[in-house]
Amino acid sequence: MTHALTFDPTSLEPEAGAPAPDRLISGAPKFRTWNFEETEGGIYAGIWEATPGKWRIVYDEWEYFHILSGISIVTEDGGAETHLKAGDSMILRPGFKGTWEVIETTRKDYVIRV
């Protein structure tokens, strides 16, 4: 076993997904997720991509992400919009509730701690 891991989306097939129907606000967004790391301790790391649309998000987990491409807007309930583009990073903490809106297909890498 190696102790280093690269994020190479050509090395595995992505998982397909979409927002739960009861969370969808607009559009018909589709997700692709390349989950490269999943540990017993509840750590996940990989690449996620979404096509345009808007949906509600609720976080029970902690997530750090870095936008690789695209444009999105994350808005916390009762808070200001955060416009995200390639090069931007963000942390969403447990208890975050709001919306994610993809303006241009967005790809991010992420690390999640459950």
PDB file of N, CA and C in Angstrom:
ATOM      1  N   MET A   1       0.837  -1.181   0.000  1.00  0.00           N
ATOM      2  CA  MET A   1       0.000   0.000   0.000  1.00  0.00           C
ATOM      3  C   MET A   1       0.884   1.248   0.000  1.00  0.00           C
ATOM      4  N   THR A   2       0.529   2.189  -0.845  1.00  0.00           N
ATOM      5  CA  THR A   2       1.245   3.456  -0.875  1.00  0.00           C
ATOM      6  C   THR A   2       0.640   4.426   0.134  1.00  0.00           C
ATOM      7  N   HIS A   3       1.430   5.375   0.575  1.00  0.00           N
ATOM      8  CA  HIS A   3       0.951   6.378   1.526  1.00  0.00           C
ATOM      9  C   HIS A   3       0.720   7.719   0.854  1.00  0.00           C
ATOM     10  N   ALA A   4       0.676   7.730  -0.471  1.00  0.00           N
ATOM     11  CA  ALA A   4       0.390   8.949  -1.232  1.00  0.00           C
ATOM     12  C   ALA A   4      -0.700   8.624  -2.245  1.00  0.00           C
ATOM     13  N   LEU A   5      -1.527   9.610  -2.548  1.00  0.00           N
ATOM     14  CA  LEU A   5      -2.653   9.401  -3.447  1.00  0.00           C
ATOM     15  C   LEU A   5      -2.828  10.639  -4.316  1.00  0.00           C
ATOM     16  N   THR A   6      -2.933  10.428  -5.617  1.00  0.00           N
ATOM     17  CA  THR A   6      -3.214  11.539  -6.513  1.00  0.00           C
ATOM     18  C   THR A   6      -4.679  11.474  -6.927  1.00  0.00           C
ATOM     19  N   PHE A   7      -5.227  12.631  -7.280  1.00  0.00           N
ATOM     20  CA  PHE A   7      -6.613  12.711  -7.738  1.00  0.00           C
ATOM     21  C   PHE A   7      -6.600  12.687  -9.255  1.00  0.00           C
ATOM     22  N   ASP A   8      -6.745  11.507  -9.827  1.00  0.00           N
ATOM     23  CA  ASP A   8      -6.731  11.348 -11.285  1.00  0.00           C
ATOM     24  C   ASP A   8      -8.101  10.821 -11.724  1.00  0.00           C
ATOM     25  N   PRO A   9      -8.971  11.712 -12.251  1.00  0.00           N
ATOM     26  CA  PRO A   9     -10.319  11.264 -12.619  1.00  0.00           C
ATOM     27  C   PRO A   9     -10.353  10.232 -13.740  1.00  0.00           C
ATOM     28  N   THR A  10      -9.242  10.031 -14.446  1.00  0.00           N
ATOM     29  CA  THR A  10      -9.221   8.988 -15.478  1.00  0.00           C
ATOM     30  C   THR A  10      -8.954   7.613 -14.880  1.00  0.00           C
ATOM     31  N   SER A  11      -8.666   7.566 -13.570  1.00  0.00           N
ATOM     32  CA  SER A  11      -8.304   6.296 -12.945  1.00  0.00           C
ATOM     33  C   SER A  11      -9.503   5.497 -12.445  1.00  0.00           C
ATOM     34  N   LEU A  12     -10.698   6.114 -12.398  1.00  0.00           N
ATOM     35  CA  LEU A  12     -11.887   5.374 -11.983  1.00  0.00           C
ATOM     36  C   LEU A  12     -13.132   6.022 -12.566  1.00  0.00           C
ATOM     37  N   GLU A  13     -14.193   5.242 -12.604  1.00  0.00           N
ATOM     38  CA  GLU A  13     -15.470   5.733 -13.139  1.00  0.00           C
ATOM     39  C   GLU A  13     -16.163   6.594 -12.092  1.00  0.00           C
ATOM     40  N   PRO A  14     -16.723   7.720 -12.504  1.00  0.00           N
ATOM     41  CA  PRO A  14     -17.423   8.560 -11.529  1.00  0.00           C
ATOM     42  C   PRO A  14     -18.772   7.962 -11.149  1.00  0.00           C
ATOM     43  N   GLU A  15     -19.207   8.295  -9.952  1.00  0.00           N
ATOM     44  CA  GLU A  15     -20.559   7.967  -9.511  1.00  0.00           C
ATOM     45  C   GLU A  15     -21.478   9.069 -10.019  1.00  0.00           C
ATOM     46  N   ALA A  16     -22.630   8.707 -10.528  1.00  0.00           N
ATOM     47  CA  ALA A  16     -23.606   9.688 -11.012  1.00  0.00           C
ATOM     48  C   ALA A  16     -24.582  10.011  -9.899  1.00  0.00           C
ATOM     49  N   GLY A  17     -25.075  11.244  -9.899  1.00  0.00           N
ATOM     50  CA  GLY A  17     -26.045  11.624  -8.886  1.00  0.00           C
ATOM     51  C   GLY A  17     -26.775  12.894  -9.270  1.00  0.00           C
ATOM     52  N   ALA A  18     -27.644  13.329  -8.389  1.00  0.00           N
ATOM     53  CA  ALA A  18     -28.434  14.544  -8.568  1.00  0.00           C
ATOM     54  C   ALA A  18     -28.984  14.931  -7.198  1.00  0.00           C
ATOM     55  N   PRO A  19     -29.420  16.182  -7.048  1.00  0.00           N
ATOM     56  CA  PRO A  19     -30.040  16.553  -5.772  1.00  0.00           C
ATOM     57  C   PRO A  19     -31.311  15.734  -5.527  1.00  0.00           C
ATOM     58  N   ALA A  20     -31.608  15.498  -4.265  1.00  0.00           N
ATOM     59  CA  ALA A  20     -32.870  14.837  -3.927  1.00  0.00           C
ATOM     60  C   ALA A  20     -34.014  15.701  -4.463  1.00  0.00           C
ATOM     61  N   PRO A  21     -35.055  15.089  -5.011  1.00  0.00           N
ATOM     62  CA  PRO A  21     -36.157  15.854  -5.602  1.00  0.00           C
ATOM     63  C   PRO A  21     -36.760  16.904  -4.660  1.00  0.00           C
ATOM     64  N   ASP A  22     -36.832  16.612  -3.365  1.00  0.00           N
ATOM     65  CA  ASP A  22     -37.411  17.568  -2.419  1.00  0.00           C
ATOM     66  C   ASP A  22     -36.488  18.738  -2.099  1.00  0.00           C
ATOM     67  N   ARG A  23     -35.241  18.691  -2.572  1.00  0.00           N
ATOM     68  CA  ARG A  23     -34.288  19.783  -2.363  1.00  0.00           C
ATOM     69  C   ARG A  23     -34.069  20.626  -3.620  1.00  0.00           C
ATOM     70  N   LEU A  24     -34.532  20.145  -4.752  1.00  0.00           N
ATOM     71  CA  LEU A  24     -34.327  20.846  -6.012  1.00  0.00           C
ATOM     72  C   LEU A  24     -35.140  22.131  -6.058  1.00  0.00           C
ATOM     73  N   ILE A  25     -34.480  23.234  -6.428  1.00  0.00           N
ATOM     74  CA  ILE A  25     -35.150  24.523  -6.550  1.00  0.00           C
ATOM     75  C   ILE A  25     -35.349  24.881  -8.021  1.00  0.00           C
ATOM     76  N   SER A  26     -34.300  24.695  -8.837  1.00  0.00           N
ATOM     77  CA  SER A  26     -34.426  25.012 -10.262  1.00  0.00           C
ATOM     78  C   SER A  26     -33.419  24.216 -11.078  1.00  0.00           C
ATOM     79  N   GLY A  27     -33.729  24.077 -12.370  1.00  0.00           N
ATOM     80  CA  GLY A  27     -32.847  23.358 -13.282  1.00  0.00           C
ATOM     81  C   GLY A  27     -32.962  21.855 -13.130  1.00  0.00           C
ATOM     82  N   ALA A  28     -32.022  21.179 -13.758  1.00  0.00           N
ATOM     83  CA  ALA A  28     -31.941  19.720 -13.685  1.00  0.00           C
ATOM     84  C   ALA A  28     -30.477  19.319 -13.499  1.00  0.00           C
ATOM     85  N   PRO A  29     -29.860  19.753 -12.397  1.00  0.00           N
ATOM     86  CA  PRO A  29     -28.433  19.488 -12.208  1.00  0.00           C
ATOM     87  C   PRO A  29     -28.126  18.002 -12.093  1.00  0.00           C
ATOM     88  N   LYS A  30     -26.978  17.644 -12.637  1.00  0.00           N
ATOM     89  CA  LYS A  30     -26.458  16.281 -12.552  1.00  0.00           C
ATOM     90  C   LYS A  30     -25.085  16.344 -11.905  1.00  0.00           C
ATOM     91  N   PHE A  31     -24.789  15.355 -11.072  1.00  0.00           N
ATOM     92  CA  PHE A  31     -23.510  15.285 -10.378  1.00  0.00           C
ATOM     93  C   PHE A  31     -22.662  14.140 -10.926  1.00  0.00           C
ATOM     94  N   ARG A  32     -21.358  14.343 -10.873  1.00  0.00           N
ATOM     95  CA  ARG A  32     -20.393  13.259 -11.051  1.00  0.00           C
ATOM     96  C   ARG A  32     -19.396  13.374  -9.904  1.00  0.00           C
ATOM     97  N   THR A  33     -19.120  12.236  -9.251  1.00  0.00           N
ATOM     98  CA  THR A  33     -18.216  12.228  -8.105  1.00  0.00           C
ATOM     99  C   THR A  33     -17.176  11.132  -8.274  1.00  0.00           C
ATOM    100  N   TRP A  34     -15.920  11.527  -8.146  1.00  0.00           N
ATOM    101  CA  TRP A  34     -14.800  10.597  -8.124  1.00  0.00           C
ATOM    102  C   TRP A  34     -14.298  10.580  -6.692  1.00  0.00           C
ATOM    103  N   ASN A  35     -14.678   9.569  -5.907  1.00  0.00           N
ATOM    104  CA  ASN A  35     -14.285   9.485  -4.504  1.00  0.00           C
ATOM    105  C   ASN A  35     -13.029   8.627  -4.410  1.00  0.00           C
ATOM    106  N   PHE A  36     -11.884   9.279  -4.210  1.00  0.00           N
ATOM    107  CA  PHE A  36     -10.598   8.587  -4.212  1.00  0.00           C
ATOM    108  C   PHE A  36     -10.217   8.028  -2.854  1.00  0.00           C
ATOM    109  N   GLU A  37     -10.749   8.593  -1.793  1.00  0.00           N
ATOM    110  CA  GLU A  37     -10.370   8.176  -0.444  1.00  0.00           C
ATOM    111  C   GLU A  37     -11.615   8.067   0.422  1.00  0.00           C
ATOM    112  N   GLU A  38     -11.704   6.973   1.147  1.00  0.00           N
ATOM    113  CA  GLU A  38     -12.782   6.766   2.111  1.00  0.00           C
ATOM    114  C   GLU A  38     -12.206   5.942   3.239  1.00  0.00           C
ATOM    115  N   THR A  39     -12.083   6.544   4.422  1.00  0.00           N
ATOM    116  CA  THR A  39     -11.465   5.843   5.542  1.00  0.00           C
ATOM    117  C   THR A  39     -12.520   5.454   6.565  1.00  0.00           C
ATOM    118  N   GLU A  40     -12.164   4.489   7.399  1.00  0.00           N
ATOM    119  CA  GLU A  40     -13.073   4.042   8.457  1.00  0.00           C
ATOM    120  C   GLU A  40     -13.369   5.163   9.432  1.00  0.00           C
ATOM    121  N   GLY A  41     -12.467   6.119   9.555  1.00  0.00           N
ATOM    122  CA  GLY A  41     -12.663   7.226  10.481  1.00  0.00           C
ATOM    123  C   GLY A  41     -13.593   8.306   9.967  1.00  0.00           C
ATOM    124  N   GLY A  42     -14.169   8.116   8.782  1.00  0.00           N
ATOM    125  CA  GLY A  42     -15.111   9.076   8.248  1.00  0.00           C
ATOM    126  C   GLY A  42     -14.488  10.215   7.470  1.00  0.00           C
ATOM    127  N   ILE A  43     -13.390   9.951   6.782  1.00  0.00           N
ATOM    128  CA  ILE A  43     -12.757  10.944   5.916  1.00  0.00           C
ATOM    129  C   ILE A  43     -12.998  10.534   4.467  1.00  0.00           C
ATOM    130  N   TYR A  44     -13.437  11.497   3.660  1.00  0.00           N
ATOM    131  CA  TYR A  44     -13.662  11.279   2.237  1.00  0.00           C
ATOM    132  C   TYR A  44     -12.906  12.359   1.481  1.00  0.00           C
ATOM    133  N   ALA A  45     -12.349  12.014   0.326  1.00  0.00           N
ATOM    134  CA  ALA A  45     -11.647  12.993  -0.494  1.00  0.00           C
ATOM    135  C   ALA A  45     -11.809  12.609  -1.955  1.00  0.00           C
ATOM    136  N   GLY A  46     -11.997  13.626  -2.796  1.00  0.00           N
ATOM    137  CA  GLY A  46     -12.144  13.350  -4.214  1.00  0.00           C
ATOM    138  C   GLY A  46     -12.466  14.600  -5.005  1.00  0.00           C
ATOM    139  N   ILE A  47     -13.113  14.366  -6.133  1.00  0.00           N
ATOM    140  CA  ILE A  47     -13.517  15.431  -7.043  1.00  0.00           C
ATOM    141  C   ILE A  47     -15.009  15.301  -7.280  1.00  0.00           C
ATOM    142  N   TRP A  48     -15.699  16.427  -7.285  1.00  0.00           N
ATOM    143  CA  TRP A  48     -17.147  16.489  -7.513  1.00  0.00           C
ATOM    144  C   TRP A  48     -17.416  17.505  -8.606  1.00  0.00           C
ATOM    145  N   GLU A  49     -18.392  17.210  -9.455  1.00  0.00           N
ATOM    146  CA  GLU A  49     -18.765  18.103 -10.540  1.00  0.00           C
ATOM    147  C   GLU A  49     -20.289  18.170 -10.623  1.00  0.00           C
ATOM    148  N   ALA A  50     -20.810  19.381 -10.911  1.00  0.00           N
ATOM    149  CA  ALA A  50     -22.258  19.554 -11.057  1.00  0.00           C
ATOM    150  C   ALA A  50     -22.554  20.466 -12.233  1.00  0.00           C
ATOM    151  N   THR A  51     -23.637  20.151 -12.935  1.00  0.00           N
ATOM    152  CA  THR A  51     -24.120  20.983 -14.029  1.00  0.00           C
ATOM    153  C   THR A  51     -25.084  22.027 -13.466  1.00  0.00           C
ATOM    154  N   PRO A  52     -25.443  23.051 -14.245  1.00  0.00           N
ATOM    155  CA  PRO A  52     -26.255  24.154 -13.727  1.00  0.00           C
ATOM    156  C   PRO A  52     -27.587  23.740 -13.102  1.00  0.00           C
ATOM    157  N   GLY A  53     -27.922  24.467 -12.057  1.00  0.00           N
ATOM    158  CA  GLY A  53     -29.157  24.286 -11.317  1.00  0.00           C
ATOM    159  C   GLY A  53     -28.988  24.831  -9.915  1.00  0.00           C
ATOM    160  N   LYS A  54     -30.045  24.746  -9.118  1.00  0.00           N
ATOM    161  CA  LYS A  54     -30.007  25.253  -7.743  1.00  0.00           C
ATOM    162  C   LYS A  54     -30.766  24.291  -6.839  1.00  0.00           C
ATOM    163  N   TRP A  55     -30.217  24.038  -5.650  1.00  0.00           N
ATOM    164  CA  TRP A  55     -30.832  23.121  -4.705  1.00  0.00           C
ATOM    165  C   TRP A  55     -30.455  23.513  -3.286  1.00  0.00           C
ATOM    166  N   ARG A  56     -31.229  23.006  -2.340  1.00  0.00           N
ATOM    167  CA  ARG A  56     -30.958  23.219  -0.915  1.00  0.00           C
ATOM    168  C   ARG A  56     -29.861  22.272  -0.446  1.00  0.00           C
ATOM    169  N   ILE A  57     -29.005  22.763   0.440  1.00  0.00           N
ATOM    170  CA  ILE A  57     -27.970  21.928   1.048  1.00  0.00           C
ATOM    171  C   ILE A  57     -28.074  22.026   2.558  1.00  0.00           C
ATOM    172  N   VAL A  58     -27.812  20.907   3.221  1.00  0.00           N
ATOM    173  CA  VAL A  58     -27.792  20.817   4.674  1.00  0.00           C
ATOM    174  C   VAL A  58     -26.583  19.969   5.039  1.00  0.00           C
ATOM    175  N   TYR A  59     -25.678  20.523   5.836  1.00  0.00           N
ATOM    176  CA  TYR A  59     -24.439  19.826   6.172  1.00  0.00           C
ATOM    177  C   TYR A  59     -24.444  19.333   7.609  1.00  0.00           C
ATOM    178  N   ASP A  60     -24.278  18.030   7.781  1.00  0.00           N
ATOM    179  CA  ASP A  60     -24.025  17.426   9.083  1.00  0.00           C
ATOM    180  C   ASP A  60     -22.526  17.190   9.242  1.00  0.00           C
ATOM    181  N   GLU A  61     -21.800  17.241   8.133  1.00  0.00           N
ATOM    182  CA  GLU A  61     -20.377  16.972   8.106  1.00  0.00           C
ATOM    183  C   GLU A  61     -19.592  18.281   7.924  1.00  0.00           C
ATOM    184  N   TRP A  62     -18.279  18.204   8.056  1.00  0.00           N
ATOM    185  CA  TRP A  62     -17.353  19.307   7.817  1.00  0.00           C
ATOM    186  C   TRP A  62     -16.741  19.066   6.442  1.00  0.00           C
ATOM    187  N   GLU A  63     -16.692  20.106   5.602  1.00  0.00           N
ATOM    188  CA  GLU A  63     -16.107  19.950   4.268  1.00  0.00           C
ATOM    189  C   GLU A  63     -15.248  21.148   3.904  1.00  0.00           C
ATOM    190  N   TYR A  64     -14.045  20.847   3.431  1.00  0.00           N
ATOM    191  CA  TYR A  64     -13.184  21.833   2.775  1.00  0.00           C
ATOM    192  C   TYR A  64     -13.236  21.522   1.294  1.00  0.00           C
ATOM    193  N   PHE A  65     -13.363  22.569   0.452  1.00  0.00           N
ATOM    194  CA  PHE A  65     -13.279  22.344  -0.989  1.00  0.00           C
ATOM    195  C   PHE A  65     -12.571  23.487  -1.681  1.00  0.00           C
ATOM    196  N   HIS A  66     -12.079  23.180  -2.867  1.00  0.00           N
ATOM    197  CA  HIS A  66     -11.359  24.120  -3.716  1.00  0.00           C
ATOM    198  C   HIS A  66     -11.969  24.029  -5.113  1.00  0.00           C
ATOM    199  N   ILE A  67     -12.425  25.165  -5.638  1.00  0.00           N
ATOM    200  CA  ILE A  67     -13.059  25.176  -6.957  1.00  0.00           C
ATOM    201  C   ILE A  67     -11.992  25.062  -8.040  1.00  0.00           C
ATOM    202  N   LEU A  68     -12.131  24.049  -8.890  1.00  0.00           N
ATOM    203  CA  LEU A  68     -11.187  23.813  -9.985  1.00  0.00           C
ATOM    204  C   LEU A  68     -11.629  24.523 -11.263  1.00  0.00           C
ATOM    205  N   SER A  69     -12.949  24.567 -11.484  1.00  0.00           N
ATOM    206  CA  SER A  69     -13.482  25.230 -12.677  1.00  0.00           C
ATOM    207  C   SER A  69     -14.953  25.541 -12.454  1.00  0.00           C
ATOM    208  N   GLY A  70     -15.466  26.492 -13.249  1.00  0.00           N
ATOM    209  CA  GLY A  70     -16.876  26.835 -13.191  1.00  0.00           C
ATOM    210  C   GLY A  70     -17.175  27.991 -12.257  1.00  0.00           C
ATOM    211  N   ILE A  71     -18.466  28.268 -12.136  1.00  0.00           N
ATOM    212  CA  ILE A  71     -18.945  29.343 -11.272  1.00  0.00           C
ATOM    213  C   ILE A  71     -20.164  28.840 -10.499  1.00  0.00           C
ATOM    214  N   SER A  72     -20.144  29.050  -9.182  1.00  0.00           N
ATOM    215  CA  SER A  72     -21.259  28.674  -8.309  1.00  0.00           C
ATOM    216  C   SER A  72     -21.498  29.774  -7.290  1.00  0.00           C
ATOM    217  N   ILE A  73     -22.689  29.734  -6.695  1.00  0.00           N
ATOM    218  CA  ILE A  73     -23.039  30.642  -5.611  1.00  0.00           C
ATOM    219  C   ILE A  73     -23.556  29.796  -4.451  1.00  0.00           C
ATOM    220  N   VAL A  74     -22.916  29.936  -3.288  1.00  0.00           N
ATOM    221  CA  VAL A  74     -23.356  29.253  -2.077  1.00  0.00           C
ATOM    222  C   VAL A  74     -23.927  30.325  -1.152  1.00  0.00           C
ATOM    223  N   THR A  75     -25.133  30.091  -0.658  1.00  0.00           N
ATOM    224  CA  THR A  75     -25.802  31.066   0.204  1.00  0.00           C
ATOM    225  C   THR A  75     -26.280  30.382   1.465  1.00  0.00           C
ATOM    226  N   GLU A  76     -25.829  30.887   2.614  1.00  0.00           N
ATOM    227  CA  GLU A  76     -26.314  30.359   3.886  1.00  0.00           C
ATOM    228  C   GLU A  76     -27.658  31.003   4.198  1.00  0.00           C
ATOM    229  N   ASP A  77     -28.591  30.222   4.752  1.00  0.00           N
ATOM    230  CA  ASP A  77     -29.887  30.773   5.133  1.00  0.00           C
ATOM    231  C   ASP A  77     -29.672  32.014   6.003  1.00  0.00           C
ATOM    232  N   GLY A  78     -30.274  33.128   5.613  1.00  0.00           N
ATOM    233  CA  GLY A  78     -30.150  34.360   6.364  1.00  0.00           C
ATOM    234  C   GLY A  78     -28.832  35.088   6.180  1.00  0.00           C
ATOM    235  N   GLY A  79     -27.973  34.586   5.258  1.00  0.00           N
ATOM    236  CA  GLY A  79     -26.657  35.190   5.060  1.00  0.00           C
ATOM    237  C   GLY A  79     -26.466  35.688   3.642  1.00  0.00           C
ATOM    238  N   ALA A  80     -25.286  36.195   3.397  1.00  0.00           N
ATOM    239  CA  ALA A  80     -24.951  36.731   2.084  1.00  0.00           C
ATOM    240  C   ALA A  80     -24.558  35.615   1.119  1.00  0.00           C
ATOM    241  N   GLU A  81     -24.653  35.909  -0.167  1.00  0.00           N
ATOM    242  CA  GLU A  81     -24.191  34.989  -1.209  1.00  0.00           C
ATOM    243  C   GLU A  81     -22.664  34.971  -1.218  1.00  0.00           C
ATOM    244  N   THR A  82     -22.090  33.783  -1.450  1.00  0.00           N
ATOM    245  CA  THR A  82     -20.655  33.660  -1.680  1.00  0.00           C
ATOM    246  C   THR A  82     -20.477  33.182  -3.110  1.00  0.00           C
ATOM    247  N   HIS A  83     -19.916  34.047  -3.948  1.00  0.00           N
ATOM    248  CA  HIS A  83     -19.665  33.706  -5.349  1.00  0.00           C
ATOM    249  C   HIS A  83     -18.330  32.977  -5.431  1.00  0.00           C
ATOM    250  N   LEU A  84     -18.339  31.820  -6.071  1.00  0.00           N
ATOM    251  CA  LEU A  84     -17.157  30.969  -6.155  1.00  0.00           C
ATOM    252  C   LEU A  84     -16.759  30.752  -7.606  1.00  0.00           C
ATOM    253  N   LYS A  85     -15.452  30.828  -7.866  1.00  0.00           N
ATOM    254  CA  LYS A  85     -14.902  30.580  -9.205  1.00  0.00           C
ATOM    255  C   LYS A  85     -13.600  29.809  -9.039  1.00  0.00           C
ATOM    256  N   ALA A  86     -13.020  29.384 -10.147  1.00  0.00           N
ATOM    257  CA  ALA A  86     -11.765  28.627 -10.107  1.00  0.00           C
ATOM    258  C   ALA A  86     -10.739  29.346  -9.236  1.00  0.00           C
ATOM    259  N   GLY A  87     -10.133  28.600  -8.327  1.00  0.00           N
ATOM    260  CA  GLY A  87      -9.130  29.135  -7.422  1.00  0.00           C
ATOM    261  C   GLY A  87      -9.659  29.446  -6.036  1.00  0.00           C
ATOM    262  N   ASP A  88     -10.987  29.525  -5.876  1.00  0.00           N
ATOM    263  CA  ASP A  88     -11.573  29.834  -4.568  1.00  0.00           C
ATOM    264  C   ASP A  88     -11.688  28.578  -3.712  1.00  0.00           C
ATOM    265  N   SER A  89     -11.587  28.775  -2.398  1.00  0.00           N
ATOM    266  CA  SER A  89     -11.729  27.684  -1.430  1.00  0.00           C
ATOM    267  C   SER A  89     -12.740  28.087  -0.376  1.00  0.00           C
ATOM    268  N   MET A  90     -13.324  27.084   0.268  1.00  0.00           N
ATOM    269  CA  MET A  90     -14.336  27.356   1.284  1.00  0.00           C
ATOM    270  C   MET A  90     -14.407  26.170   2.240  1.00  0.00           C
ATOM    271  N   ILE A  91     -14.839  26.439   3.463  1.00  0.00           N
ATOM    272  CA  ILE A  91     -15.167  25.392   4.430  1.00  0.00           C
ATOM    273  C   ILE A  91     -16.638  25.549   4.789  1.00  0.00           C
ATOM    274  N   LEU A  92     -17.375  24.447   4.742  1.00  0.00           N
ATOM    275  CA  LEU A  92     -18.751  24.395   5.230  1.00  0.00           C
ATOM    276  C   LEU A  92     -18.729  23.530   6.487  1.00  0.00           C
ATOM    277  N   ARG A  93     -19.238  24.088   7.579  1.00  0.00           N
ATOM    278  CA  ARG A  93     -19.212  23.400   8.867  1.00  0.00           C
ATOM    279  C   ARG A  93     -20.535  22.696   9.139  1.00  0.00           C
ATOM    280  N   PRO A  94     -20.497  21.700  10.046  1.00  0.00           N
ATOM    281  CA  PRO A  94     -21.750  21.049  10.425  1.00  0.00           C
ATOM    282  C   PRO A  94     -22.772  22.085  10.883  1.00  0.00           C
ATOM    283  N   GLY A  95     -23.996  21.917  10.431  1.00  0.00           N
ATOM    284  CA  GLY A  95     -25.067  22.837  10.759  1.00  0.00           C
ATOM    285  C   GLY A  95     -25.348  23.854   9.661  1.00  0.00           C
ATOM    286  N   PHE A  96     -24.479  23.896   8.622  1.00  0.00           N
ATOM    287  CA  PHE A  96     -24.709  24.830   7.524  1.00  0.00           C
ATOM    288  C   PHE A  96     -25.988  24.429   6.794  1.00  0.00           C
ATOM    289  N   LYS A  97     -26.844  25.419   6.554  1.00  0.00           N
ATOM    290  CA  LYS A  97     -28.069  25.208   5.774  1.00  0.00           C
ATOM    291  C   LYS A  97     -28.188  26.360   4.805  1.00  0.00           C
ATOM    292  N   GLY A  98     -28.527  26.046   3.560  1.00  0.00           N
ATOM    293  CA  GLY A  98     -28.668  27.090   2.561  1.00  0.00           C
ATOM    294  C   GLY A  98     -28.899  26.519   1.187  1.00  0.00           C
ATOM    295  N   THR A  99     -28.312  27.199   0.174  1.00  0.00           N
ATOM    296  CA  THR A  99     -28.469  26.749  -1.206  1.00  0.00           C
ATOM    297  C   THR A  99     -27.128  26.725  -1.911  1.00  0.00           C
ATOM    298  N   TRP A 100     -27.055  25.859  -2.908  1.00  0.00           N
ATOM    299  CA  TRP A 100     -25.922  25.803  -3.836  1.00  0.00           C
ATOM    300  C   TRP A 100     -26.517  26.030  -5.218  1.00  0.00           C
ATOM    301  N   GLU A 101     -26.011  27.016  -5.928  1.00  0.00           N
ATOM    302  CA  GLU A 101     -26.449  27.293  -7.291  1.00  0.00           C
ATOM    303  C   GLU A 101     -25.254  27.230  -8.224  1.00  0.00           C
ATOM    304  N   VAL A 102     -25.322  26.358  -9.203  1.00  0.00           N
ATOM    305  CA  VAL A 102     -24.281  26.247 -10.222  1.00  0.00           C
ATOM    306  C   VAL A 102     -24.698  27.117 -11.405  1.00  0.00           C
ATOM    307  N   ILE A 103     -23.881  28.112 -11.699  1.00  0.00           N
ATOM    308  CA  ILE A 103     -24.123  29.008 -12.825  1.00  0.00           C
ATOM    309  C   ILE A 103     -23.486  28.425 -14.087  1.00  0.00           C
ATOM    310  N   GLU A 104     -22.224  28.014 -13.969  1.00  0.00           N
ATOM    311  CA  GLU A 104     -21.502  27.300 -15.030  1.00  0.00           C
ATOM    312  C   GLU A 104     -21.002  26.002 -14.417  1.00  0.00           C
ATOM    313  N   THR A 105     -21.089  24.907 -15.171  1.00  0.00           N
ATOM    314  CA  THR A 105     -20.672  23.608 -14.648  1.00  0.00           C
ATOM    315  C   THR A 105     -19.439  23.777 -13.774  1.00  0.00           C
ATOM    316  N   THR A 106     -19.547  23.283 -12.536  1.00  0.00           N
ATOM    317  CA  THR A 106     -18.523  23.493 -11.516  1.00  0.00           C
ATOM    318  C   THR A 106     -17.884  22.173 -11.130  1.00  0.00           C
ATOM    319  N   ARG A 107     -16.557  22.227 -11.006  1.00  0.00           N
ATOM    320  CA  ARG A 107     -15.799  21.064 -10.533  1.00  0.00           C
ATOM    321  C   ARG A 107     -14.969  21.524  -9.330  1.00  0.00           C
ATOM    322  N   LYS A 108     -15.002  20.722  -8.279  1.00  0.00           N
ATOM    323  CA  LYS A 108     -14.223  21.037  -7.076  1.00  0.00           C
ATOM    324  C   LYS A 108     -13.530  19.777  -6.595  1.00  0.00           C
ATOM    325  N   ASP A 109     -12.405  19.964  -5.873  1.00  0.00           N
ATOM    326  CA  ASP A 109     -11.892  18.840  -5.102  1.00  0.00           C
ATOM    327  C   ASP A 109     -12.295  19.090  -3.656  1.00  0.00           C
ATOM    328  N   TYR A 110     -12.397  18.025  -2.873  1.00  0.00           N
ATOM    329  CA  TYR A 110     -12.958  18.137  -1.529  1.00  0.00           C
ATOM    330  C   TYR A 110     -12.311  17.172  -0.558  1.00  0.00           C
ATOM    331  N   VAL A 111     -12.398  17.537   0.706  1.00  0.00           N
ATOM    332  CA  VAL A 111     -12.099  16.655   1.822  1.00  0.00           C
ATOM    333  C   VAL A 111     -13.247  16.825   2.806  1.00  0.00           C
ATOM    334  N   ILE A 112     -13.865  15.719   3.167  1.00  0.00           N
ATOM    335  CA  ILE A 112     -15.016  15.726   4.068  1.00  0.00           C
ATOM    336  C   ILE A 112     -14.676  14.904   5.298  1.00  0.00           C
ATOM    337  N   ARG A 113     -15.020  15.453   6.460  1.00  0.00           N
ATOM    338  CA  ARG A 113     -14.901  14.704   7.723  1.00  0.00           C
ATOM    339  C   ARG A 113     -16.302  14.560   8.286  1.00  0.00           C
ATOM    340  N   VAL A 114     -16.731  13.317   8.454  1.00  0.00           N
ATOM    341  CA  VAL A 114     -18.075  13.036   8.966  1.00  0.00           C
ATOM    342  C   VAL A 114     -18.047  13.100  10.481  1.00  0.00           C
TER     343      VAL A 114
END
